[in-house]
Amino acid sequence: MNSLILLLSVLISVLFLKNVSSKSLTEVVSRVYFGEDLRPQEHKHLVRLDITPGYTTTLCTGSIISPYLIVTAAHCVCFERLYFKAFSYPNTLVGQGTSKLAHPYYKADCGSRRAVYKDIVVDVGLLITKNAIAFTEYVQPIPLGKSGDGFGYTVTIAGYGAKEDDSNVPKQGKVTIQRCFKKQDVSLPAAMCSYGERRPGSGDSGGPVVHNGVLIGVISSGSCSRDTCTSFYTQVDVILQWFSSMKLVINK
């Protein structure tokens, strides 16, 4: 009996190693770097955004902040015309429409991922749904953080973007927010960044930066060099000031 168990153990080990050897070491290790499968109960606000400005559809991520408003990145909504659909996990249509707003200081070409105004990332936009989003046990808005939230926090980022395993499951991961000191020829000491391999992927744009259950930022962009990867975020101060200028009150 013991010999049979030992034989089965050896066969399982061989099959596992064969499977691993069929992938590059980078692929296997990257599963940790990119984070873990989303925990839907922690991200009831998270939505996948299918944005169609013309004949092609762009993937972005967003967060529900009120019955009619989804916050995302400005470079996802800055097209002259668009149509969007918002899906909650796993694939439930919760909102759609054509109305949108981008931060007034966002001046980069539409689709650009590094929008800076006076050393601050202003890559934030709003999508306005045609009908009210129906809140349920699984779909809820996220509160906005307060001014000053961000630096030094260990936060959760999440999104529906590119990942190492090509799955359709959204991912989340922990990163530490730092000031964007000069790396890769970028110096934005008043802006929020994180460094390292755990980072947003393409399609995560507009996704949430969450700390203690509140939204303290929005995913903007990222880039990698030989030394490290840098991710940029629009901080909650920018969002709050923009909303205040429009006399827009949320979570009151």
Protein backbone atom coordinates (compact mmCIF):
# COMPACT_ATOMS: atom_id res chain seq x y z
CA MET A 1 0.00 0.00 0.00
CA ASN A 2 2.82 2.39 0.94
CA SER A 3 4.56 1.61 -2.34
CA LEU A 4 1.40 2.50 -4.28
CA ILE A 5 1.08 5.85 -2.49
CA LEU A 6 4.74 6.60 -3.17
CA LEU A 7 4.32 5.76 -6.87
CA LEU A 8 1.28 8.03 -7.17
CA SER A 9 3.17 10.87 -5.46
CA VAL A 10 6.05 10.54 -7.91
CA LEU A 11 3.68 10.55 -10.91
CA ILE A 12 1.88 13.68 -9.64
CA SER A 13 5.22 15.43 -9.10
CA VAL A 14 6.39 14.58 -12.62
CA LEU A 15 3.15 15.88 -14.16
CA PHE A 16 3.39 19.11 -12.15
CA LEU A 17 6.99 19.72 -13.18
CA LYS A 18 6.16 19.01 -16.80
CA ASN A 19 3.39 21.61 -16.67
CA VAL A 20 5.66 24.21 -15.06
CA SER A 21 8.46 23.57 -17.54
CA SER A 22 6.06 24.35 -20.41
CA LYS A 23 5.88 27.94 -19.13
CA SER A 24 8.64 30.46 -18.68
CA LEU A 25 9.86 31.17 -15.16
CA THR A 26 8.64 34.74 -15.59
CA GLU A 27 5.08 33.57 -16.22
CA VAL A 28 5.03 31.40 -13.11
CA VAL A 29 6.52 34.04 -10.83
CA SER A 30 4.39 36.81 -12.32
CA ARG A 31 1.29 35.34 -10.77
CA VAL A 32 2.45 36.75 -7.44
CA TYR A 33 3.52 40.09 -8.89
CA PHE A 34 0.20 40.79 -10.57
CA GLY A 35 -1.81 40.02 -7.47
CA GLU A 36 -4.65 37.63 -6.77
CA ASP A 37 -8.11 36.92 -8.08
CA LEU A 38 -10.61 39.61 -7.11
CA ARG A 39 -12.60 39.22 -3.92
CA PRO A 40 -15.98 40.48 -5.16
CA GLN A 41 -17.33 41.06 -1.66
CA GLU A 42 -14.60 43.68 -1.14
CA HIS A 43 -15.19 45.45 -4.47
CA LYS A 44 -18.94 45.74 -4.96
CA HIS A 45 -18.28 49.11 -6.60
CA LEU A 46 -15.95 47.73 -9.28
CA VAL A 47 -17.15 47.66 -12.88
CA ARG A 48 -15.72 46.64 -16.22
CA LEU A 49 -16.19 49.40 -18.78
CA ASP A 50 -16.65 48.62 -22.44
CA ILE A 51 -16.20 52.02 -24.08
CA THR A 52 -16.96 52.40 -27.77
CA PRO A 53 -15.93 55.75 -29.29
CA GLY A 54 -16.31 54.52 -32.86
CA TYR A 55 -15.93 51.12 -34.45
CA THR A 56 -13.69 49.61 -31.78
CA THR A 57 -14.25 49.00 -28.08
CA THR A 58 -11.79 50.06 -25.38
CA LEU A 59 -11.53 48.25 -22.05
CA CYS A 60 -11.26 50.30 -18.87
CA THR A 61 -12.20 49.87 -15.21
CA GLY A 62 -14.30 52.11 -13.00
CA SER A 63 -15.92 52.51 -9.60
CA ILE A 64 -19.56 53.26 -8.85
CA ILE A 65 -19.79 56.30 -6.55
CA SER A 66 -23.52 57.13 -6.84
CA PRO A 67 -26.64 55.80 -8.57
CA TYR A 68 -25.72 57.61 -11.80
CA LEU A 69 -21.96 58.18 -11.59
CA ILE A 70 -18.95 55.97 -12.33
CA VAL A 71 -15.48 57.40 -11.77
CA THR A 72 -12.70 56.27 -14.11
CA ALA A 73 -9.67 57.70 -15.95
CA ALA A 74 -9.96 60.77 -18.18
CA HIS A 75 -8.09 59.02 -20.99
CA CYS A 76 -10.93 56.47 -21.08
CA VAL A 77 -13.69 59.07 -21.60
CA CYS A 78 -12.12 62.01 -23.44
CA PHE A 79 -13.40 61.02 -26.89
CA GLU A 80 -15.73 63.44 -28.65
CA ARG A 81 -18.48 60.84 -28.66
CA LEU A 82 -18.75 57.46 -27.01
CA TYR A 83 -21.12 54.77 -25.85
CA PHE A 84 -20.36 52.77 -22.74
CA LYS A 85 -21.57 49.72 -20.89
CA ALA A 86 -20.69 48.98 -17.27
CA PHE A 87 -20.61 45.41 -15.96
CA SER A 88 -20.32 44.27 -12.37
CA TYR A 89 -18.73 40.95 -11.44
CA PRO A 90 -19.05 38.42 -12.94
CA ASN A 91 -20.75 39.85 -16.03
CA THR A 92 -23.93 41.74 -15.10
CA LEU A 93 -24.85 44.87 -17.02
CA VAL A 94 -25.51 47.57 -14.41
CA GLY A 95 -25.39 50.77 -16.48
CA GLN A 96 -24.90 52.28 -19.91
CA GLY A 97 -25.03 55.63 -21.63
CA THR A 98 -23.29 58.28 -23.68
CA SER A 99 -22.71 61.10 -21.18
CA LYS A 100 -19.24 61.71 -19.78
CA LEU A 101 -16.94 64.33 -18.29
CA ALA A 102 -13.15 64.59 -18.15
CA HIS A 103 -11.17 66.71 -15.70
CA PRO A 104 -10.89 70.23 -17.18
CA TYR A 105 -7.09 70.24 -16.78
CA TYR A 106 -6.68 67.00 -18.68
CA LYS A 107 -4.98 68.25 -21.85
CA ALA A 108 -3.17 65.17 -23.11
CA ASP A 109 -4.14 63.56 -26.39
CA CYS A 110 -7.13 61.31 -25.89
CA GLY A 111 -5.85 57.87 -25.00
CA SER A 112 -2.61 59.25 -23.52
CA ARG A 113 -1.78 57.81 -20.13
CA ARG A 114 0.29 60.49 -18.51
CA ALA A 115 -1.84 63.56 -17.87
CA VAL A 116 -0.12 66.04 -15.60
CA TYR A 117 -1.05 69.55 -14.51
CA LYS A 118 1.33 71.43 -12.19
CA ASP A 119 3.03 68.23 -11.02
CA ILE A 120 -0.30 66.54 -10.25
CA VAL A 121 -1.87 63.68 -12.20
CA VAL A 122 -5.34 64.81 -13.32
CA ASP A 123 -6.32 61.67 -15.22
CA VAL A 124 -9.86 61.34 -13.89
CA GLY A 125 -13.25 61.29 -15.58
CA LEU A 126 -16.91 60.51 -14.97
CA LEU A 127 -19.42 58.39 -16.82
CA ILE A 128 -23.08 59.22 -16.29
CA THR A 129 -25.50 56.34 -16.70
CA LYS A 130 -28.77 56.75 -18.57
CA ASN A 131 -30.72 55.05 -15.79
CA ALA A 132 -30.03 54.71 -12.09
CA ILE A 133 -27.79 51.79 -11.13
CA ALA A 134 -29.78 49.30 -9.06
CA PHE A 135 -27.91 48.66 -5.82
CA THR A 136 -28.04 45.11 -4.51
CA GLU A 137 -26.19 42.86 -2.11
CA TYR A 138 -23.48 42.61 -4.76
CA VAL A 139 -23.50 46.11 -6.30
CA GLN A 140 -22.81 49.11 -4.06
CA PRO A 141 -21.13 52.54 -4.37
CA ILE A 142 -17.80 53.22 -2.71
CA PRO A 143 -17.33 56.29 -0.47
CA LEU A 144 -14.69 58.86 -1.37
CA GLY A 145 -11.76 59.39 0.95
CA LYS A 146 -10.83 62.72 2.49
CA SER A 147 -8.29 65.30 1.40
CA GLY A 148 -4.76 64.27 2.27
CA ASP A 149 -5.33 60.52 2.02
CA GLY A 150 -2.67 58.60 0.19
CA PHE A 151 1.05 58.85 0.88
CA GLY A 152 2.51 56.02 2.90
CA TYR A 153 -0.67 53.95 2.73
CA THR A 154 -0.68 50.30 1.77
CA VAL A 155 -3.64 50.16 -0.60
CA THR A 156 -5.52 47.74 -2.80
CA ILE A 157 -5.68 48.31 -6.54
CA ALA A 158 -8.07 46.34 -8.71
CA GLY A 159 -9.15 46.07 -12.31
CA TYR A 160 -10.21 44.06 -15.32
CA GLY A 161 -7.03 44.70 -17.28
CA ALA A 162 -4.24 42.58 -18.72
CA LYS A 163 -2.72 39.93 -16.51
CA GLU A 164 -0.15 37.19 -16.78
CA ASP A 165 -2.59 34.29 -17.09
CA ASP A 166 -4.94 35.68 -19.78
CA SER A 167 -7.96 34.89 -17.59
CA ASN A 168 -11.18 36.91 -17.56
CA VAL A 169 -11.14 37.15 -13.77
CA PRO A 170 -10.40 40.65 -12.46
CA LYS A 171 -7.38 40.98 -10.19
CA GLN A 172 -6.48 42.87 -7.05
CA GLY A 173 -3.17 43.51 -5.35
CA LYS A 174 -1.51 45.43 -2.53
CA VAL A 175 0.89 48.30 -3.25
CA THR A 176 2.39 51.09 -1.14
CA ILE A 177 1.72 54.67 -2.20
CA GLN A 178 4.78 56.92 -2.44
CA ARG A 179 5.61 60.30 -3.87
CA CYS A 180 6.66 60.26 -7.51
CA PHE A 181 10.30 61.15 -7.07
CA LYS A 182 12.52 61.13 -10.10
CA LYS A 183 12.61 57.70 -11.65
CA GLN A 184 12.57 56.99 -15.34
CA ASP A 185 13.00 60.75 -15.97
CA VAL A 186 9.76 61.55 -14.14
CA SER A 187 9.66 63.78 -11.06
CA LEU A 188 6.23 64.57 -9.62
CA PRO A 189 6.77 64.88 -5.85
CA ALA A 190 3.18 66.02 -5.26
CA ALA A 191 1.68 63.04 -7.11
CA MET A 192 0.98 59.44 -6.04
CA CYS A 193 3.00 56.52 -7.37
CA SER A 194 3.86 52.96 -6.51
CA TYR A 195 6.94 51.02 -7.52
CA GLY A 196 7.57 47.36 -8.27
CA GLU A 197 6.32 44.52 -10.41
CA ARG A 198 2.89 44.40 -8.78
CA ARG A 199 1.18 47.01 -10.86
CA PRO A 200 -1.86 47.83 -13.02
CA GLY A 201 -2.08 46.32 -16.49
CA SER A 202 -3.62 47.61 -19.69
CA GLY A 203 -7.38 47.85 -19.12
CA ASP A 204 -7.01 48.60 -15.40
CA SER A 205 -7.06 52.33 -16.24
CA GLY A 206 -9.64 54.11 -14.10
CA GLY A 207 -9.66 51.33 -11.53
CA PRO A 208 -9.80 52.06 -7.81
CA VAL A 209 -7.11 52.75 -5.26
CA VAL A 210 -8.77 51.64 -2.01
CA HIS A 211 -7.74 52.11 1.62
CA ASN A 212 -9.92 51.00 4.52
CA GLY A 213 -12.95 50.68 2.28
CA VAL A 214 -12.82 54.16 0.73
CA LEU A 215 -11.62 55.40 -2.65
CA ILE A 216 -8.43 57.44 -2.32
CA GLY A 217 -7.33 57.42 -5.95
CA VAL A 218 -7.82 56.27 -9.52
CA ILE A 219 -5.38 54.22 -11.60
CA SER A 220 -3.84 56.32 -14.37
CA SER A 221 -0.83 54.70 -16.04
CA GLY A 222 2.46 52.94 -15.63
CA SER A 223 5.75 52.12 -17.27
CA CYS A 224 8.70 49.81 -16.66
CA SER A 225 12.46 50.06 -16.99
CA ARG A 226 15.22 47.57 -16.27
CA ASP A 227 15.24 48.59 -12.63
CA THR A 228 11.57 48.82 -11.67
CA CYS A 229 8.03 49.58 -12.74
CA THR A 230 6.35 52.88 -11.88
CA SER A 231 2.57 53.24 -11.58
CA PHE A 232 0.80 56.61 -11.48
CA TYR A 233 -2.49 57.44 -9.75
CA THR A 234 -4.86 60.40 -9.60
CA GLN A 235 -5.27 61.17 -5.93
CA VAL A 236 -8.54 61.83 -4.13
CA ASP A 237 -7.66 65.51 -3.53
CA VAL A 238 -7.87 66.14 -7.28
CA ILE A 239 -11.23 64.37 -7.46
CA LEU A 240 -12.67 66.25 -4.48
CA GLN A 241 -11.54 69.64 -5.80
CA TRP A 242 -12.99 68.88 -9.23
CA PHE A 243 -16.32 67.81 -7.76
CA SER A 244 -16.37 70.91 -5.55
CA SER A 245 -15.81 73.16 -8.58
CA MET A 246 -18.88 71.57 -10.20
CA LYS A 247 -20.85 71.78 -6.91
CA LEU A 248 -21.19 68.03 -7.13
CA VAL A 249 -21.88 66.40 -3.76
CA ILE A 250 -21.25 62.68 -3.32
CA ASN A 251 -21.90 60.36 -0.37
CA LYS A 252 -23.89 62.91 1.59
